[in-house]
């Protein structure tokens, strides 16, 4: 199965660096579902739930405001606060 390289970055550290099959982001205009091969985009994030599917297991996280950069092979999230739900 194809995966995305995912990096979740806060000002203090890289919170998580992993591979995921699916990423759900709380975009400023609504939720964004990201699969491998997604078109390139940059979006602002609103506070909310973020989900990662890693080896068939869903991980839930909470992000504050931030920015997400999406490319066909990776997702990078830059946020002042990220934590597990």
C-alpha atoms as a PDB file:
ATOM      1  CA  UNK A   1       0.000   0.000   0.000  1.00  0.00           C
ATOM      2  CA  UNK A   2       1.237   3.491  -0.837  1.00  0.00           C
ATOM      3  CA  UNK A   3       2.032   5.827   2.025  1.00  0.00           C
ATOM      4  CA  UNK A   4       2.733   9.466   2.735  1.00  0.00           C
ATOM      5  CA  UNK A   5       5.696  10.687   4.746  1.00  0.00           C
ATOM      6  CA  UNK A   6       4.155  12.757   7.533  1.00  0.00           C
ATOM      7  CA  UNK A   7       5.955  15.280   9.728  1.00  0.00           C
ATOM      8  CA  UNK A   8       4.217  17.173  12.515  1.00  0.00           C
ATOM      9  CA  UNK A   9       6.377  20.065  13.672  1.00  0.00           C
ATOM     10  CA  UNK A  10       5.998  22.449  16.620  1.00  0.00           C
ATOM     11  CA  UNK A  11       8.331  25.328  17.522  1.00  0.00           C
ATOM     12  CA  UNK A  12       9.993  23.128  20.148  1.00  0.00           C
ATOM     13  CA  UNK A  13      10.497  19.888  18.197  1.00  0.00           C
ATOM     14  CA  UNK A  14       9.364  17.443  15.572  1.00  0.00           C
ATOM     15  CA  UNK A  15       6.340  16.008  17.361  1.00  0.00           C
ATOM     16  CA  UNK A  16       5.957  13.029  15.002  1.00  0.00           C
ATOM     17  CA  UNK A  17       7.649  11.714  11.868  1.00  0.00           C
ATOM     18  CA  UNK A  18       5.981   8.648  10.355  1.00  0.00           C
ATOM     19  CA  UNK A  19       4.399   7.081   7.291  1.00  0.00           C
ATOM     20  CA  UNK A  20       0.604   7.088   6.918  1.00  0.00           C
ATOM     21  CA  UNK A  21      -1.910   5.758   4.406  1.00  0.00           C
ATOM     22  CA  UNK A  22      -4.339   8.630   5.008  1.00  0.00           C
ATOM     23  CA  UNK A  23      -4.308  12.052   6.701  1.00  0.00           C
ATOM     24  CA  UNK A  24      -7.321  14.153   7.691  1.00  0.00           C
ATOM     25  CA  UNK A  25      -6.572  17.838   8.341  1.00  0.00           C
ATOM     26  CA  UNK A  26      -8.807  20.572   9.826  1.00  0.00           C
ATOM     27  CA  UNK A  27      -8.364  23.082   6.994  1.00  0.00           C
ATOM     28  CA  UNK A  28      -9.535  26.649   7.382  1.00  0.00           C
ATOM     29  CA  UNK A  29     -12.211  26.052   4.693  1.00  0.00           C
ATOM     30  CA  UNK A  30     -13.178  22.575   5.921  1.00  0.00           C
ATOM     31  CA  UNK A  31     -11.677  19.153   6.520  1.00  0.00           C
ATOM     32  CA  UNK A  32      -9.178  17.849   3.966  1.00  0.00           C
ATOM     33  CA  UNK A  33      -8.670  14.137   3.303  1.00  0.00           C
ATOM     34  CA  UNK A  34      -5.189  13.450   1.940  1.00  0.00           C
ATOM     35  CA  UNK A  35      -4.148  10.219   0.190  1.00  0.00           C
ATOM     36  CA  UNK A  36      -0.806   9.418  -1.477  1.00  0.00           C
ATOM     37  CA  UNK A  37      -0.600  11.177  -4.847  1.00  0.00           C
ATOM     38  CA  UNK A  38      -2.676  14.189  -3.718  1.00  0.00           C
ATOM     39  CA  UNK A  39      -2.123  17.424  -5.632  1.00  0.00           C
ATOM     40  CA  UNK A  40       0.284  19.949  -4.126  1.00  0.00           C
ATOM     41  CA  UNK A  41      -1.273  22.548  -1.849  1.00  0.00           C
ATOM     42  CA  UNK A  42      -0.645  24.747   1.142  1.00  0.00           C
ATOM     43  CA  UNK A  43      -3.462  25.477   3.567  1.00  0.00           C
ATOM     44  CA  UNK A  44      -4.068  27.241   6.845  1.00  0.00           C
ATOM     45  CA  UNK A  45      -5.313  25.032   9.668  1.00  0.00           C
ATOM     46  CA  UNK A  46      -8.012  25.850  12.188  1.00  0.00           C
ATOM     47  CA  UNK A  47      -7.989  24.365  15.683  1.00  0.00           C
ATOM     48  CA  UNK A  48      -9.422  20.873  15.568  1.00  0.00           C
ATOM     49  CA  UNK A  49      -8.971  17.135  15.174  1.00  0.00           C
ATOM     50  CA  UNK A  50      -6.415  15.599  12.863  1.00  0.00           C
ATOM     51  CA  UNK A  51      -6.408  11.905  12.001  1.00  0.00           C
ATOM     52  CA  UNK A  52      -3.665   9.651  10.672  1.00  0.00           C
ATOM     53  CA  UNK A  53      -4.150   6.102   9.453  1.00  0.00           C
ATOM     54  CA  UNK A  54      -0.936   4.180  10.191  1.00  0.00           C
ATOM     55  CA  UNK A  55      -0.792   0.498   9.249  1.00  0.00           C
ATOM     56  CA  UNK A  56      -4.581   0.336   9.347  1.00  0.00           C
ATOM     57  CA  UNK A  57      -4.830   1.937  12.813  1.00  0.00           C
ATOM     58  CA  UNK A  58      -6.346   5.398  13.210  1.00  0.00           C
ATOM     59  CA  UNK A  59      -4.448   7.871  15.416  1.00  0.00           C
ATOM     60  CA  UNK A  60      -6.263  11.001  16.588  1.00  0.00           C
ATOM     61  CA  UNK A  61      -4.487  14.248  17.353  1.00  0.00           C
ATOM     62  CA  UNK A  62      -5.453  17.808  18.230  1.00  0.00           C
ATOM     63  CA  UNK A  63      -3.834  20.765  16.468  1.00  0.00           C
ATOM     64  CA  UNK A  64      -4.123  24.460  17.098  1.00  0.00           C
ATOM     65  CA  UNK A  65      -3.847  26.903  14.235  1.00  0.00           C
ATOM     66  CA  UNK A  66      -1.059  26.275  11.774  1.00  0.00           C
ATOM     67  CA  UNK A  67      -0.026  25.596   8.198  1.00  0.00           C
ATOM     68  CA  UNK A  68       0.017  22.346   6.244  1.00  0.00           C
ATOM     69  CA  UNK A  69       2.100  21.702   3.149  1.00  0.00           C
ATOM     70  CA  UNK A  70       0.903  18.789   1.009  1.00  0.00           C
ATOM     71  CA  UNK A  71       2.842  17.163  -1.834  1.00  0.00           C
ATOM     72  CA  UNK A  72       2.082  13.848  -3.594  1.00  0.00           C
ATOM     73  CA  UNK A  73       4.515  11.984  -1.301  1.00  0.00           C
ATOM     74  CA  UNK A  74       4.406  13.970   1.952  1.00  0.00           C
ATOM     75  CA  UNK A  75       2.433  16.095   4.407  1.00  0.00           C
ATOM     76  CA  UNK A  76       4.140  18.593   6.727  1.00  0.00           C
ATOM     77  CA  UNK A  77       2.178  20.301   9.457  1.00  0.00           C
ATOM     78  CA  UNK A  78       3.585  23.338  11.279  1.00  0.00           C
ATOM     79  CA  UNK A  79       1.600  24.230  14.396  1.00  0.00           C
ATOM     80  CA  UNK A  80       2.253  25.929  17.749  1.00  0.00           C
ATOM     81  CA  UNK A  81       0.546  23.022  19.543  1.00  0.00           C
ATOM     82  CA  UNK A  82      -0.001  19.382  18.620  1.00  0.00           C
ATOM     83  CA  UNK A  83      -1.026  16.640  21.039  1.00  0.00           C
ATOM     84  CA  UNK A  84      -2.643  13.213  21.024  1.00  0.00           C
ATOM     85  CA  UNK A  85      -6.410  13.258  21.588  1.00  0.00           C
END
